[in-house]
């Protein structure tokens, strides 16, 4: 019960902290690129409408520019951070393995590899105004890539895995990329340089988030365990 209570505390604190830091990094590094891309996207839509090959899209309610959009983005990023923390440390909890700063970093690196790095090879993060493939096809490929990469890492690094089975991890690791990600249809209206910068910064901030999440979670959990040990030791006659 204490381990579960500690894990829940770790999820809330580390998820909130890492999510807020991710928001701050994205706010200064990525949001300006999104705003520039939106200008190109809007210009492209207007040009298509003027040429008679496009129409206005009713996107429904959106937060107003300024503090409202920033506040909603911050809240969404923090909640996402807590959700990812629950996923990461839930797996750690179920594995029964010890959690500290070092293992937290390794768990964060593994999560980034599965959720961020591997899918980005086929479906890199893209700003507005970039042609994309069908949403359902992208979701299927992304999910399959995450699962295949996670199983591959388990085969590579898990204990008690027969040596004859481990090479299957290589197959799982490359299989999604041999199948290939869904191909985008349409033309980009955003300069290639902006797309490249957006992709690189998005991957970098995502990696920072996962490593920071693992680091904070491992530190907090180890500290709570140490405090419990000290309290138990001082309570002994």
C-alpha atoms as a PDB file:
ATOM      1  CA  UNK A   1       0.000   0.000   0.000  1.00  0.00           C
ATOM      2  CA  UNK A   2       2.848   2.384   0.794  1.00  0.00           C
ATOM      3  CA  UNK A   3       4.399   1.707  -2.607  1.00  0.00           C
ATOM      4  CA  UNK A   4       1.098   2.496  -4.329  1.00  0.00           C
ATOM      5  CA  UNK A   5       0.659   5.686  -2.288  1.00  0.00           C
ATOM      6  CA  UNK A   6       4.182   6.758  -3.111  1.00  0.00           C
ATOM      7  CA  UNK A   7       3.628   6.056  -6.794  1.00  0.00           C
ATOM      8  CA  UNK A   8       0.454   8.162  -6.869  1.00  0.00           C
ATOM      9  CA  UNK A   9       2.312  11.045  -5.225  1.00  0.00           C
ATOM     10  CA  UNK A  10       5.144  10.648  -7.733  1.00  0.00           C
ATOM     11  CA  UNK A  11       2.662  10.663 -10.645  1.00  0.00           C
ATOM     12  CA  UNK A  12       0.998  13.900  -9.538  1.00  0.00           C
ATOM     13  CA  UNK A  13       4.133  15.816  -8.570  1.00  0.00           C
ATOM     14  CA  UNK A  14       6.480  14.708 -11.340  1.00  0.00           C
ATOM     15  CA  UNK A  15       3.762  14.868 -13.996  1.00  0.00           C
ATOM     16  CA  UNK A  16       2.805  18.394 -12.993  1.00  0.00           C
ATOM     17  CA  UNK A  17       6.395  19.630 -12.822  1.00  0.00           C
ATOM     18  CA  UNK A  18       7.565  17.974 -16.049  1.00  0.00           C
ATOM     19  CA  UNK A  19       4.374  19.039 -17.855  1.00  0.00           C
ATOM     20  CA  UNK A  20       4.807  22.668 -16.819  1.00  0.00           C
ATOM     21  CA  UNK A  21       8.472  22.695 -17.847  1.00  0.00           C
ATOM     22  CA  UNK A  22       7.483  21.156 -21.181  1.00  0.00           C
ATOM     23  CA  UNK A  23       4.875  23.890 -21.628  1.00  0.00           C
ATOM     24  CA  UNK A  24       7.472  26.587 -20.912  1.00  0.00           C
ATOM     25  CA  UNK A  25       9.942  25.059 -23.382  1.00  0.00           C
ATOM     26  CA  UNK A  26       7.298  24.747 -26.081  1.00  0.00           C
ATOM     27  CA  UNK A  27       5.953  28.229 -25.402  1.00  0.00           C
ATOM     28  CA  UNK A  28       9.291  29.866 -26.170  1.00  0.00           C
ATOM     29  CA  UNK A  29      10.707  27.445 -28.752  1.00  0.00           C
ATOM     30  CA  UNK A  30       7.779  25.906 -30.638  1.00  0.00           C
ATOM     31  CA  UNK A  31       4.753  28.207 -30.324  1.00  0.00           C
ATOM     32  CA  UNK A  32       6.446  30.970 -32.387  1.00  0.00           C
ATOM     33  CA  UNK A  33       6.975  28.409 -35.162  1.00  0.00           C
ATOM     34  CA  UNK A  34       3.325  27.342 -34.948  1.00  0.00           C
ATOM     35  CA  UNK A  35       2.220  30.961 -35.247  1.00  0.00           C
ATOM     36  CA  UNK A  36       4.397  31.454 -38.317  1.00  0.00           C
ATOM     37  CA  UNK A  37       3.076  28.234 -39.843  1.00  0.00           C
ATOM     38  CA  UNK A  38      -0.509  29.349 -39.212  1.00  0.00           C
ATOM     39  CA  UNK A  39       0.158  32.486 -41.234  1.00  0.00           C
ATOM     40  CA  UNK A  40       1.313  30.368 -44.186  1.00  0.00           C
ATOM     41  CA  UNK A  41      -1.621  27.991 -43.685  1.00  0.00           C
ATOM     42  CA  UNK A  42      -4.144  30.817 -43.732  1.00  0.00           C
ATOM     43  CA  UNK A  43      -2.541  32.356 -46.812  1.00  0.00           C
ATOM     44  CA  UNK A  44      -2.668  28.976 -48.544  1.00  0.00           C
ATOM     45  CA  UNK A  45      -6.349  28.513 -47.707  1.00  0.00           C
ATOM     46  CA  UNK A  46      -7.188  31.993 -48.997  1.00  0.00           C
ATOM     47  CA  UNK A  47      -5.274  31.344 -52.210  1.00  0.00           C
ATOM     48  CA  UNK A  48      -7.121  28.047 -52.693  1.00  0.00           C
ATOM     49  CA  UNK A  49     -10.489  29.741 -52.100  1.00  0.00           C
ATOM     50  CA  UNK A  50      -9.609  32.504 -54.557  1.00  0.00           C
ATOM     51  CA  UNK A  51      -8.732  29.831 -57.125  1.00  0.00           C
ATOM     52  CA  UNK A  52     -12.047  28.079 -56.514  1.00  0.00           C
ATOM     53  CA  UNK A  53     -10.488  24.856 -55.239  1.00  0.00           C
ATOM     54  CA  UNK A  54     -10.990  25.322 -51.524  1.00  0.00           C
ATOM     55  CA  UNK A  55     -13.460  26.456 -48.899  1.00  0.00           C
ATOM     56  CA  UNK A  56     -13.474  27.851 -45.390  1.00  0.00           C
ATOM     57  CA  UNK A  57     -13.223  25.300 -42.570  1.00  0.00           C
ATOM     58  CA  UNK A  58     -15.454  25.785 -39.547  1.00  0.00           C
ATOM     59  CA  UNK A  59     -13.174  24.653 -36.716  1.00  0.00           C
ATOM     60  CA  UNK A  60     -15.669  25.519 -33.958  1.00  0.00           C
ATOM     61  CA  UNK A  61     -14.725  27.288 -30.762  1.00  0.00           C
ATOM     62  CA  UNK A  62     -11.087  28.054 -30.160  1.00  0.00           C
ATOM     63  CA  UNK A  63      -9.440  29.975 -27.315  1.00  0.00           C
ATOM     64  CA  UNK A  64      -8.631  33.574 -28.163  1.00  0.00           C
ATOM     65  CA  UNK A  65      -5.055  34.567 -28.845  1.00  0.00           C
ATOM     66  CA  UNK A  66      -3.103  35.787 -25.829  1.00  0.00           C
ATOM     67  CA  UNK A  67      -3.562  34.740 -22.219  1.00  0.00           C
ATOM     68  CA  UNK A  68      -6.606  32.561 -22.952  1.00  0.00           C
ATOM     69  CA  UNK A  69      -4.824  30.373 -25.481  1.00  0.00           C
ATOM     70  CA  UNK A  70      -1.695  30.280 -23.319  1.00  0.00           C
ATOM     71  CA  UNK A  71      -3.673  29.281 -20.216  1.00  0.00           C
ATOM     72  CA  UNK A  72      -5.552  26.499 -21.998  1.00  0.00           C
ATOM     73  CA  UNK A  73      -2.316  25.234 -23.533  1.00  0.00           C
ATOM     74  CA  UNK A  74      -0.575  25.218 -20.149  1.00  0.00           C
ATOM     75  CA  UNK A  75      -3.459  23.347 -18.513  1.00  0.00           C
ATOM     76  CA  UNK A  76      -3.636  20.792 -21.315  1.00  0.00           C
ATOM     77  CA  UNK A  77       0.137  20.218 -21.236  1.00  0.00           C
ATOM     78  CA  UNK A  78       0.205  19.730 -17.454  1.00  0.00           C
ATOM     79  CA  UNK A  79      -2.738  17.305 -17.580  1.00  0.00           C
ATOM     80  CA  UNK A  80      -1.003  15.434 -20.389  1.00  0.00           C
ATOM     81  CA  UNK A  81       2.146  15.293 -18.264  1.00  0.00           C
ATOM     82  CA  UNK A  82       0.206  13.746 -15.394  1.00  0.00           C
ATOM     83  CA  UNK A  83      -1.364  11.238 -17.773  1.00  0.00           C
ATOM     84  CA  UNK A  84       2.000  10.190 -19.190  1.00  0.00           C
ATOM     85  CA  UNK A  85       3.407  10.001 -15.650  1.00  0.00           C
ATOM     86  CA  UNK A  86       0.579   7.646 -14.689  1.00  0.00           C
ATOM     87  CA  UNK A  87       1.380   5.492 -17.707  1.00  0.00           C
ATOM     88  CA  UNK A  88       5.136   5.438 -17.093  1.00  0.00           C
ATOM     89  CA  UNK A  89       5.125   4.841 -13.354  1.00  0.00           C
ATOM     90  CA  UNK A  90       2.184   2.467 -13.637  1.00  0.00           C
ATOM     91  CA  UNK A  91       4.408   0.244 -15.754  1.00  0.00           C
ATOM     92  CA  UNK A  92       7.217   0.635 -13.208  1.00  0.00           C
ATOM     93  CA  UNK A  93       4.800  -0.284 -10.407  1.00  0.00           C
ATOM     94  CA  UNK A  94       3.572  -3.388 -12.220  1.00  0.00           C
ATOM     95  CA  UNK A  95       7.130  -4.452 -13.037  1.00  0.00           C
ATOM     96  CA  UNK A  96       8.004  -4.508  -9.345  1.00  0.00           C
ATOM     97  CA  UNK A  97      11.448  -3.071 -10.091  1.00  0.00           C
ATOM     98  CA  UNK A  98      13.055  -0.486  -7.770  1.00  0.00           C
ATOM     99  CA  UNK A  99      12.735   3.171  -8.707  1.00  0.00           C
ATOM    100  CA  UNK A 100      15.481   5.712  -8.119  1.00  0.00           C
ATOM    101  CA  UNK A 101      17.155   8.512 -10.054  1.00  0.00           C
ATOM    102  CA  UNK A 102      19.190   6.192 -12.282  1.00  0.00           C
ATOM    103  CA  UNK A 103      16.399   3.743 -13.042  1.00  0.00           C
ATOM    104  CA  UNK A 104      13.966   6.638 -13.492  1.00  0.00           C
ATOM    105  CA  UNK A 105      16.193   8.112 -16.184  1.00  0.00           C
ATOM    106  CA  UNK A 106      16.391   4.743 -17.927  1.00  0.00           C
ATOM    107  CA  UNK A 107      12.623   4.283 -17.773  1.00  0.00           C
ATOM    108  CA  UNK A 108      12.179   7.799 -19.161  1.00  0.00           C
ATOM    109  CA  UNK A 109      14.623   7.083 -21.977  1.00  0.00           C
ATOM    110  CA  UNK A 110      12.797   3.861 -22.833  1.00  0.00           C
ATOM    111  CA  UNK A 111       9.443   5.675 -22.839  1.00  0.00           C
ATOM    112  CA  UNK A 112      10.810   8.393 -25.116  1.00  0.00           C
ATOM    113  CA  UNK A 113      12.158   5.762 -27.484  1.00  0.00           C
ATOM    114  CA  UNK A 114       8.781   4.023 -27.669  1.00  0.00           C
ATOM    115  CA  UNK A 115       6.402   6.983 -27.679  1.00  0.00           C
ATOM    116  CA  UNK A 116       8.509   9.751 -29.192  1.00  0.00           C
ATOM    117  CA  UNK A 117      11.569   8.692 -31.136  1.00  0.00           C
ATOM    118  CA  UNK A 118      10.464   5.541 -32.968  1.00  0.00           C
ATOM    119  CA  UNK A 119       7.137   6.932 -34.266  1.00  0.00           C
ATOM    120  CA  UNK A 120       8.866  10.156 -35.318  1.00  0.00           C
ATOM    121  CA  UNK A 121      10.951   8.252 -37.850  1.00  0.00           C
ATOM    122  CA  UNK A 122       7.845   7.630 -39.946  1.00  0.00           C
ATOM    123  CA  UNK A 123       5.503  10.334 -38.671  1.00  0.00           C
ATOM    124  CA  UNK A 124       7.619  13.287 -37.558  1.00  0.00           C
ATOM    125  CA  UNK A 125       5.915  16.146 -35.709  1.00  0.00           C
ATOM    126  CA  UNK A 126       4.599  18.657 -38.240  1.00  0.00           C
ATOM    127  CA  UNK A 127       3.387  22.250 -37.899  1.00  0.00           C
ATOM    128  CA  UNK A 128       0.078  23.513 -39.292  1.00  0.00           C
ATOM    129  CA  UNK A 129      -0.038  23.860 -43.057  1.00  0.00           C
ATOM    130  CA  UNK A 130       1.768  20.588 -43.743  1.00  0.00           C
ATOM    131  CA  UNK A 131       0.075  17.827 -45.710  1.00  0.00           C
ATOM    132  CA  UNK A 132      -0.724  14.779 -43.574  1.00  0.00           C
ATOM    133  CA  UNK A 133      -2.057  11.285 -44.183  1.00  0.00           C
ATOM    134  CA  UNK A 134      -5.446   9.971 -43.100  1.00  0.00           C
ATOM    135  CA  UNK A 135      -5.934  10.350 -39.338  1.00  0.00           C
ATOM    136  CA  UNK A 136      -7.131   6.783 -38.744  1.00  0.00           C
ATOM    137  CA  UNK A 137      -4.214   5.330 -40.711  1.00  0.00           C
ATOM    138  CA  UNK A 138      -1.762   7.460 -38.739  1.00  0.00           C
ATOM    139  CA  UNK A 139      -3.263   6.354 -35.425  1.00  0.00           C
ATOM    140  CA  UNK A 140      -3.036   2.684 -36.389  1.00  0.00           C
ATOM    141  CA  UNK A 141       0.587   2.970 -37.520  1.00  0.00           C
ATOM    142  CA  UNK A 142       1.591   5.051 -34.480  1.00  0.00           C
ATOM    143  CA  UNK A 143       0.010   2.608 -32.036  1.00  0.00           C
ATOM    144  CA  UNK A 144       1.565  -0.393 -33.764  1.00  0.00           C
ATOM    145  CA  UNK A 145       4.988   1.255 -33.736  1.00  0.00           C
ATOM    146  CA  UNK A 146       4.784   2.077 -30.024  1.00  0.00           C
ATOM    147  CA  UNK A 147       3.758  -1.483 -29.123  1.00  0.00           C
ATOM    148  CA  UNK A 148       6.363  -3.095 -31.389  1.00  0.00           C
ATOM    149  CA  UNK A 149       9.139  -0.878 -30.017  1.00  0.00           C
ATOM    150  CA  UNK A 150       8.113  -1.539 -26.409  1.00  0.00           C
ATOM    151  CA  UNK A 151       8.103  -5.306 -26.933  1.00  0.00           C
ATOM    152  CA  UNK A 152      11.448  -5.088 -28.749  1.00  0.00           C
ATOM    153  CA  UNK A 153      13.037  -3.238 -25.825  1.00  0.00           C
ATOM    154  CA  UNK A 154      11.620  -5.818 -23.427  1.00  0.00           C
ATOM    155  CA  UNK A 155      13.143  -8.625 -25.507  1.00  0.00           C
ATOM    156  CA  UNK A 156      16.486  -6.815 -25.580  1.00  0.00           C
ATOM    157  CA  UNK A 157      16.655  -5.767 -21.924  1.00  0.00           C
ATOM    158  CA  UNK A 158      14.271  -8.009 -20.005  1.00  0.00           C
ATOM    159  CA  UNK A 159      15.622 -10.578 -17.612  1.00  0.00           C
ATOM    160  CA  UNK A 160      14.958 -14.245 -18.146  1.00  0.00           C
ATOM    161  CA  UNK A 161      14.420 -13.856 -21.902  1.00  0.00           C
ATOM    162  CA  UNK A 162      15.926 -16.855 -23.801  1.00  0.00           C
ATOM    163  CA  UNK A 163      18.801 -15.840 -26.049  1.00  0.00           C
ATOM    164  CA  UNK A 164      17.171 -17.480 -29.035  1.00  0.00           C
ATOM    165  CA  UNK A 165      14.154 -15.202 -28.658  1.00  0.00           C
ATOM    166  CA  UNK A 166      16.043 -11.915 -28.344  1.00  0.00           C
ATOM    167  CA  UNK A 167      16.735 -11.519 -32.097  1.00  0.00           C
ATOM    168  CA  UNK A 168      12.975 -11.222 -32.569  1.00  0.00           C
ATOM    169  CA  UNK A 169      13.364  -7.790 -30.993  1.00  0.00           C
ATOM    170  CA  UNK A 170      15.282  -6.614 -34.046  1.00  0.00           C
ATOM    171  CA  UNK A 171      12.444  -7.747 -36.285  1.00  0.00           C
ATOM    172  CA  UNK A 172       9.874  -5.916 -34.170  1.00  0.00           C
ATOM    173  CA  UNK A 173      12.030  -2.813 -34.055  1.00  0.00           C
ATOM    174  CA  UNK A 174      12.281  -2.446 -37.825  1.00  0.00           C
ATOM    175  CA  UNK A 175       8.974  -4.015 -38.885  1.00  0.00           C
ATOM    176  CA  UNK A 176       6.805  -0.845 -38.630  1.00  0.00           C
ATOM    177  CA  UNK A 177       9.335   1.073 -40.712  1.00  0.00           C
ATOM    178  CA  UNK A 178       9.531  -1.689 -43.314  1.00  0.00           C
ATOM    179  CA  UNK A 179       5.742  -1.550 -43.584  1.00  0.00           C
ATOM    180  CA  UNK A 180       6.020   2.214 -43.831  1.00  0.00           C
ATOM    181  CA  UNK A 181       4.035   5.056 -42.335  1.00  0.00           C
ATOM    182  CA  UNK A 182       0.925   6.343 -44.144  1.00  0.00           C
ATOM    183  CA  UNK A 183       1.796   8.659 -47.006  1.00  0.00           C
ATOM    184  CA  UNK A 184       0.568  12.242 -46.862  1.00  0.00           C
ATOM    185  CA  UNK A 185      -1.619  13.645 -49.610  1.00  0.00           C
ATOM    186  CA  UNK A 186      -1.512  17.249 -50.726  1.00  0.00           C
ATOM    187  CA  UNK A 187       1.084  19.997 -50.805  1.00  0.00           C
ATOM    188  CA  UNK A 188       2.878  21.828 -48.046  1.00  0.00           C
ATOM    189  CA  UNK A 189       2.354  25.561 -47.773  1.00  0.00           C
ATOM    190  CA  UNK A 190       5.021  25.955 -45.097  1.00  0.00           C
ATOM    191  CA  UNK A 191       8.733  26.463 -45.935  1.00  0.00           C
ATOM    192  CA  UNK A 192      10.878  23.365 -45.543  1.00  0.00           C
ATOM    193  CA  UNK A 193      13.246  25.125 -43.135  1.00  0.00           C
ATOM    194  CA  UNK A 194      10.392  25.936 -40.755  1.00  0.00           C
ATOM    195  CA  UNK A 195       9.151  22.333 -40.921  1.00  0.00           C
ATOM    196  CA  UNK A 196      12.630  21.000 -40.150  1.00  0.00           C
ATOM    197  CA  UNK A 197      13.090  23.337 -37.169  1.00  0.00           C
ATOM    198  CA  UNK A 198       9.666  22.451 -35.825  1.00  0.00           C
ATOM    199  CA  UNK A 199      10.342  18.724 -36.106  1.00  0.00           C
ATOM    200  CA  UNK A 200      13.745  18.877 -34.440  1.00  0.00           C
ATOM    201  CA  UNK A 201      12.592  21.116 -31.592  1.00  0.00           C
ATOM    202  CA  UNK A 202       9.485  19.018 -31.015  1.00  0.00           C
ATOM    203  CA  UNK A 203      11.517  15.815 -30.735  1.00  0.00           C
ATOM    204  CA  UNK A 204      14.062  17.537 -28.489  1.00  0.00           C
ATOM    205  CA  UNK A 205      11.454  18.929 -26.091  1.00  0.00           C
ATOM    206  CA  UNK A 206       9.657  15.579 -26.014  1.00  0.00           C
ATOM    207  CA  UNK A 207      12.898  13.833 -25.100  1.00  0.00           C
ATOM    208  CA  UNK A 208      13.574  16.445 -22.417  1.00  0.00           C
ATOM    209  CA  UNK A 209      10.092  15.853 -20.983  1.00  0.00           C
ATOM    210  CA  UNK A 210      10.457  12.075 -20.692  1.00  0.00           C
ATOM    211  CA  UNK A 211      13.952  12.214 -19.207  1.00  0.00           C
ATOM    212  CA  UNK A 212      12.895  14.904 -16.760  1.00  0.00           C
ATOM    213  CA  UNK A 213       9.784  12.933 -15.842  1.00  0.00           C
ATOM    214  CA  UNK A 214      11.838   9.828 -15.091  1.00  0.00           C
ATOM    215  CA  UNK A 215      14.456  11.821 -13.192  1.00  0.00           C
ATOM    216  CA  UNK A 216      11.925  13.663 -11.015  1.00  0.00           C
ATOM    217  CA  UNK A 217       9.882  10.537 -10.402  1.00  0.00           C
ATOM    218  CA  UNK A 218      12.918   8.508  -9.404  1.00  0.00           C
ATOM    219  CA  UNK A 219      14.197  11.249  -7.110  1.00  0.00           C
ATOM    220  CA  UNK A 220      10.842  11.771  -5.392  1.00  0.00           C
ATOM    221  CA  UNK A 221      10.210   8.070  -4.900  1.00  0.00           C
ATOM    222  CA  UNK A 222      13.696   7.406  -3.533  1.00  0.00           C
ATOM    223  CA  UNK A 223      13.374  10.358  -1.167  1.00  0.00           C
ATOM    224  CA  UNK A 224       9.999   9.204   0.156  1.00  0.00           C
ATOM    225  CA  UNK A 225      11.362   5.702   0.691  1.00  0.00           C
ATOM    226  CA  UNK A 226      14.344   7.124   2.578  1.00  0.00           C
ATOM    227  CA  UNK A 227      12.090   9.271   4.766  1.00  0.00           C
ATOM    228  CA  UNK A 228       9.915   6.276   5.556  1.00  0.00           C
ATOM    229  CA  UNK A 229      13.002   4.263   6.509  1.00  0.00           C
ATOM    230  CA  UNK A 230      14.234   7.062   8.762  1.00  0.00           C
ATOM    231  CA  UNK A 231      10.824   7.400  10.378  1.00  0.00           C
ATOM    232  CA  UNK A 232      10.612   3.639  10.940  1.00  0.00           C
ATOM    233  CA  UNK A 233      14.129   3.570  12.376  1.00  0.00           C
ATOM    234  CA  UNK A 234      13.430   6.438  14.793  1.00  0.00           C
ATOM    235  CA  UNK A 235      10.170   4.795  15.882  1.00  0.00           C
ATOM    236  CA  UNK A 236      11.932   1.586  16.907  1.00  0.00           C
ATOM    237  CA  UNK A 237      12.655   1.283  20.644  1.00  0.00           C
END
